[in-house]
């Protein structure tokens, strides 16, 4: 897909779907495992041509918000769906979706975005190295139509993943993202890239996509992806 985009022949919202993934990797070197035919694994190309690079984190904010919204709709009142920084989707303390957003940058502007998404849909058993994984079927007891789920997600993306929408709705996008942020204002244990373990609480995410936490000294600290992780 990326090779085709370089040649300028990819249509907006082109989507490629995979049936299985055994050695997938996401943000912060996390691992992803998906049984064949059970889950929804796909990549979407979005032509956000001309989006200022400073607003590229808002693409991740929007993608996470829309996935959360769709899952919440499918699962009704069966669970509480939140966004774990930077863009995992959680059912309480269990991961149900992983998202990886890659923006292609040219002359300080975005000229194309690849959005990789893995949603645990109908898988009921996960390997031991993924103790915190769950799925839509585990949560609800229902076997879901993956094609319907995919179509719903793409239709929601088409409503908001445009340069104009992002420019006009920056404040509400950020406000909504923070309103669904996992463990915001709740004291939690973290580990930084040096291996230091400490207690802090998430208080914000910056416009640049940095996680801002308040430590026990009541000062705010900012961390980029791979610099901090929840324990």
Protein backbone atom coordinates (compact mmCIF):
# COMPACT_ATOMS: atom_id res chain seq x y z
CA UNK A 1 0.00 0.00 0.00
CA UNK A 2 2.81 2.44 0.87
CA UNK A 3 4.51 1.84 -2.48
CA UNK A 4 1.27 2.64 -4.31
CA UNK A 5 0.84 5.85 -2.32
CA UNK A 6 4.29 7.05 -3.43
CA UNK A 7 3.13 6.71 -7.04
CA UNK A 8 0.01 8.72 -6.26
CA UNK A 9 -2.44 5.98 -7.24
CA UNK A 10 -4.05 5.24 -3.91
CA UNK A 11 -7.60 6.48 -3.49
CA UNK A 12 -8.64 8.13 -0.27
CA UNK A 13 -9.81 5.60 2.34
CA UNK A 14 -8.32 2.62 0.48
CA UNK A 15 -8.50 -0.27 2.96
CA UNK A 16 -6.55 -3.54 3.12
CA UNK A 17 -7.76 -6.31 5.43
CA UNK A 18 -5.72 -9.23 6.82
CA UNK A 19 -7.11 -12.49 8.17
CA UNK A 20 -4.49 -13.20 10.84
CA UNK A 21 -1.47 -11.77 12.61
CA UNK A 22 0.93 -13.77 14.76
CA UNK A 23 3.91 -11.46 15.17
CA UNK A 24 2.37 -8.01 15.05
CA UNK A 25 4.03 -5.10 16.79
CA UNK A 26 2.60 -1.76 17.82
CA UNK A 27 3.61 1.34 19.72
CA UNK A 28 6.27 0.90 22.40
CA UNK A 29 7.22 -2.57 21.02
CA UNK A 30 3.97 -4.11 22.19
CA UNK A 31 3.02 -7.46 20.64
CA UNK A 32 -0.18 -8.36 18.84
CA UNK A 33 -1.56 -11.83 18.23
CA UNK A 34 -4.72 -12.62 16.29
CA UNK A 35 -6.25 -16.03 15.56
CA UNK A 36 -7.10 -16.56 11.89
CA UNK A 37 -10.48 -15.24 10.85
CA UNK A 38 -11.51 -14.17 14.34
CA UNK A 39 -10.59 -10.50 14.47
CA UNK A 40 -10.60 -7.35 12.36
CA UNK A 41 -7.13 -6.35 11.17
CA UNK A 42 -6.89 -3.61 8.61
CA UNK A 43 -4.94 -0.64 7.30
CA UNK A 44 -6.60 2.49 5.92
CA UNK A 45 -4.93 5.11 3.75
CA UNK A 46 -6.21 8.65 4.30
CA UNK A 47 -5.12 11.51 2.03
CA UNK A 48 -4.79 14.31 4.56
CA UNK A 49 -2.78 16.33 2.08
CA UNK A 50 -1.65 19.69 3.41
CA UNK A 51 -2.42 19.13 7.09
CA UNK A 52 0.17 21.13 9.08
CA UNK A 53 2.61 18.78 10.80
CA UNK A 54 1.80 20.44 14.14
CA UNK A 55 -1.72 19.02 13.89
CA UNK A 56 -0.68 15.46 13.06
CA UNK A 57 -1.36 14.24 16.66
CA UNK A 58 -4.99 15.17 16.11
CA UNK A 59 -5.23 12.39 13.54
CA UNK A 60 -4.43 9.89 16.28
CA UNK A 61 -6.87 11.59 18.64
CA UNK A 62 -9.68 11.33 16.07
CA UNK A 63 -8.96 7.74 15.08
CA UNK A 64 -9.00 6.62 18.72
CA UNK A 65 -12.20 8.58 19.38
CA UNK A 66 -14.03 7.06 16.42
CA UNK A 67 -12.95 3.49 17.21
CA UNK A 68 -14.05 4.01 20.80
CA UNK A 69 -17.38 5.39 19.65
CA UNK A 70 -18.07 2.50 17.26
CA UNK A 71 -17.12 -0.17 19.81
CA UNK A 72 -19.25 1.54 22.43
CA UNK A 73 -22.17 1.40 20.01
CA UNK A 74 -21.72 -2.28 19.23
CA UNK A 75 -21.21 -3.29 22.86
CA UNK A 76 -23.99 -1.07 24.24
CA UNK A 77 -23.83 -1.04 28.04
CA UNK A 78 -21.74 -4.20 28.38
CA UNK A 79 -18.51 -2.41 29.29
CA UNK A 80 -16.71 0.91 29.70
CA UNK A 81 -14.59 1.75 26.65
CA UNK A 82 -11.69 4.18 27.12
CA UNK A 83 -8.60 5.37 25.27
CA UNK A 84 -5.23 4.45 26.73
CA UNK A 85 -2.50 6.86 25.67
CA UNK A 86 -1.30 7.03 23.01
CA UNK A 87 -4.08 5.14 21.21
CA UNK A 88 -4.99 1.72 22.58
CA UNK A 89 -8.65 1.06 23.25
CA UNK A 90 -9.45 -0.49 26.60
CA UNK A 91 -12.36 -2.32 28.17
CA UNK A 92 -11.75 -1.44 31.79
CA UNK A 93 -8.15 -2.70 32.29
CA UNK A 94 -8.07 -5.03 29.27
CA UNK A 95 -6.95 -4.16 25.76
CA UNK A 96 -9.49 -4.67 23.00
CA UNK A 97 -7.90 -2.66 20.17
CA UNK A 98 -4.45 -1.52 19.06
CA UNK A 99 -3.92 1.42 16.72
CA UNK A 100 -0.79 2.56 14.89
CA UNK A 101 -0.89 5.84 12.95
CA UNK A 102 1.92 6.69 10.55
CA UNK A 103 1.92 10.13 8.95
CA UNK A 104 3.98 10.75 5.83
CA UNK A 105 5.54 14.21 6.05
CA UNK A 106 6.79 16.47 3.25
CA UNK A 107 7.84 20.11 3.64
CA UNK A 108 6.37 20.40 7.15
CA UNK A 109 2.98 19.08 6.06
CA UNK A 110 1.23 15.73 6.05
CA UNK A 111 0.68 14.28 2.58
CA UNK A 112 -0.73 10.90 3.53
CA UNK A 113 -1.59 8.81 6.58
CA UNK A 114 -1.61 5.05 7.11
CA UNK A 115 -3.80 3.85 9.98
CA UNK A 116 -3.24 0.28 11.16
CA UNK A 117 -5.94 -1.13 13.42
CA UNK A 118 -6.37 -4.48 15.14
CA UNK A 119 -9.67 -5.12 16.92
CA UNK A 120 -10.25 -8.26 18.96
CA UNK A 121 -13.69 -9.24 17.73
CA UNK A 122 -14.58 -12.94 18.03
CA UNK A 123 -11.43 -14.46 19.57
CA UNK A 124 -12.17 -16.21 22.86
CA UNK A 125 -8.73 -17.48 23.91
CA UNK A 126 -5.46 -15.52 23.93
CA UNK A 127 -1.86 -16.70 24.48
CA UNK A 128 -0.33 -16.45 27.93
CA UNK A 129 1.94 -13.56 26.88
CA UNK A 130 -1.19 -11.39 26.43
CA UNK A 131 -2.80 -11.68 29.88
CA UNK A 132 -4.66 -8.38 29.56
CA UNK A 133 -6.30 -8.98 26.18
CA UNK A 134 -10.05 -9.23 25.70
CA UNK A 135 -12.48 -9.22 22.77
CA UNK A 136 -15.94 -8.02 21.85
CA UNK A 137 -17.24 -11.59 22.07
CA UNK A 138 -15.71 -12.20 25.49
CA UNK A 139 -17.35 -9.02 26.76
CA UNK A 140 -20.82 -9.58 25.31
CA UNK A 141 -21.15 -13.28 24.43
CA UNK A 142 -22.10 -12.27 20.88
CA UNK A 143 -20.43 -13.37 17.61
CA UNK A 144 -20.01 -10.22 15.51
CA UNK A 145 -20.15 -9.55 11.77
CA UNK A 146 -16.68 -8.19 10.99
CA UNK A 147 -17.72 -6.73 7.63
CA UNK A 148 -20.42 -4.66 9.30
CA UNK A 149 -17.97 -3.49 11.93
CA UNK A 150 -15.43 -2.47 9.27
CA UNK A 151 -18.01 -0.64 7.18
CA UNK A 152 -19.23 1.26 10.23
CA UNK A 153 -15.69 2.34 11.13
CA UNK A 154 -14.79 3.50 7.62
CA UNK A 155 -18.02 5.49 7.35
CA UNK A 156 -17.23 7.21 10.66
CA UNK A 157 -13.68 7.97 9.51
CA UNK A 158 -14.99 9.59 6.34
CA UNK A 159 -16.99 12.06 8.44
CA UNK A 160 -14.00 13.45 10.34
CA UNK A 161 -10.66 12.54 8.75
CA UNK A 162 -10.35 15.61 6.57
CA UNK A 163 -8.04 18.60 6.83
CA UNK A 164 -11.02 20.95 7.11
CA UNK A 165 -12.66 19.06 9.95
CA UNK A 166 -9.44 18.93 11.98
CA UNK A 167 -8.71 22.64 11.48
CA UNK A 168 -12.24 23.64 12.48
CA UNK A 169 -12.67 21.30 15.47
CA UNK A 170 -9.31 21.23 17.26
CA UNK A 171 -10.68 22.19 20.67
CA UNK A 172 -13.57 19.73 20.73
CA UNK A 173 -11.39 16.88 19.43
CA UNK A 174 -8.92 17.41 22.26
CA UNK A 175 -11.66 17.84 24.86
CA UNK A 176 -13.39 14.61 23.77
CA UNK A 177 -10.09 12.69 23.72
CA UNK A 178 -9.31 13.73 27.28
CA UNK A 179 -12.83 12.91 28.45
CA UNK A 180 -12.31 9.26 27.52
CA UNK A 181 -8.67 8.98 28.58
CA UNK A 182 -7.80 5.88 30.56
CA UNK A 183 -6.87 6.56 34.20
CA UNK A 184 -6.88 10.34 33.88
CA UNK A 185 -6.54 11.94 37.33
CA UNK A 186 -6.15 8.50 38.95
CA UNK A 187 -2.86 7.78 40.76
CA UNK A 188 -1.11 4.97 38.88
CA UNK A 189 2.26 3.27 38.68
CA UNK A 190 4.57 4.02 35.74
CA UNK A 191 8.01 3.07 34.46
CA UNK A 192 10.21 5.47 32.48
CA UNK A 193 12.73 4.51 29.79
CA UNK A 194 15.54 4.44 32.39
CA UNK A 195 13.64 1.78 34.33
CA UNK A 196 12.58 4.05 37.19
CA UNK A 197 9.22 3.10 38.73
CA UNK A 198 7.10 5.87 40.19
CA UNK A 199 3.56 6.88 41.08
CA UNK A 200 1.87 9.70 39.20
CA UNK A 201 -1.44 10.64 37.67
CA UNK A 202 -2.24 11.53 34.08
CA UNK A 203 -3.43 15.13 33.93
CA UNK A 204 -3.31 15.97 30.22
CA UNK A 205 -2.04 15.17 26.74
CA UNK A 206 -0.29 18.03 24.96
CA UNK A 207 -1.14 19.26 21.46
CA UNK A 208 2.07 17.51 20.39
CA UNK A 209 0.73 14.21 21.71
CA UNK A 210 2.93 14.07 24.81
CA UNK A 211 1.57 12.46 27.97
CA UNK A 212 1.61 14.89 30.89
CA UNK A 213 1.68 13.40 34.37
CA UNK A 214 1.83 14.92 37.82
CA UNK A 215 4.23 13.18 40.18
CA UNK A 216 4.16 13.14 43.96
CA UNK A 217 6.17 16.38 44.05
CA UNK A 218 3.09 18.00 42.42
CA UNK A 219 5.10 19.02 39.34
CA UNK A 220 4.06 18.20 35.78
CA UNK A 221 6.29 16.08 33.53
CA UNK A 222 5.91 15.41 29.80
CA UNK A 223 6.73 12.12 28.10
CA UNK A 224 6.81 11.01 24.49
CA UNK A 225 5.86 7.56 23.25
CA UNK A 226 8.45 4.97 24.37
CA UNK A 227 9.57 7.20 27.25
CA UNK A 228 6.94 6.01 29.74
CA UNK A 229 4.61 3.06 30.23
CA UNK A 230 1.84 2.06 32.62
CA UNK A 231 2.52 -0.79 35.02
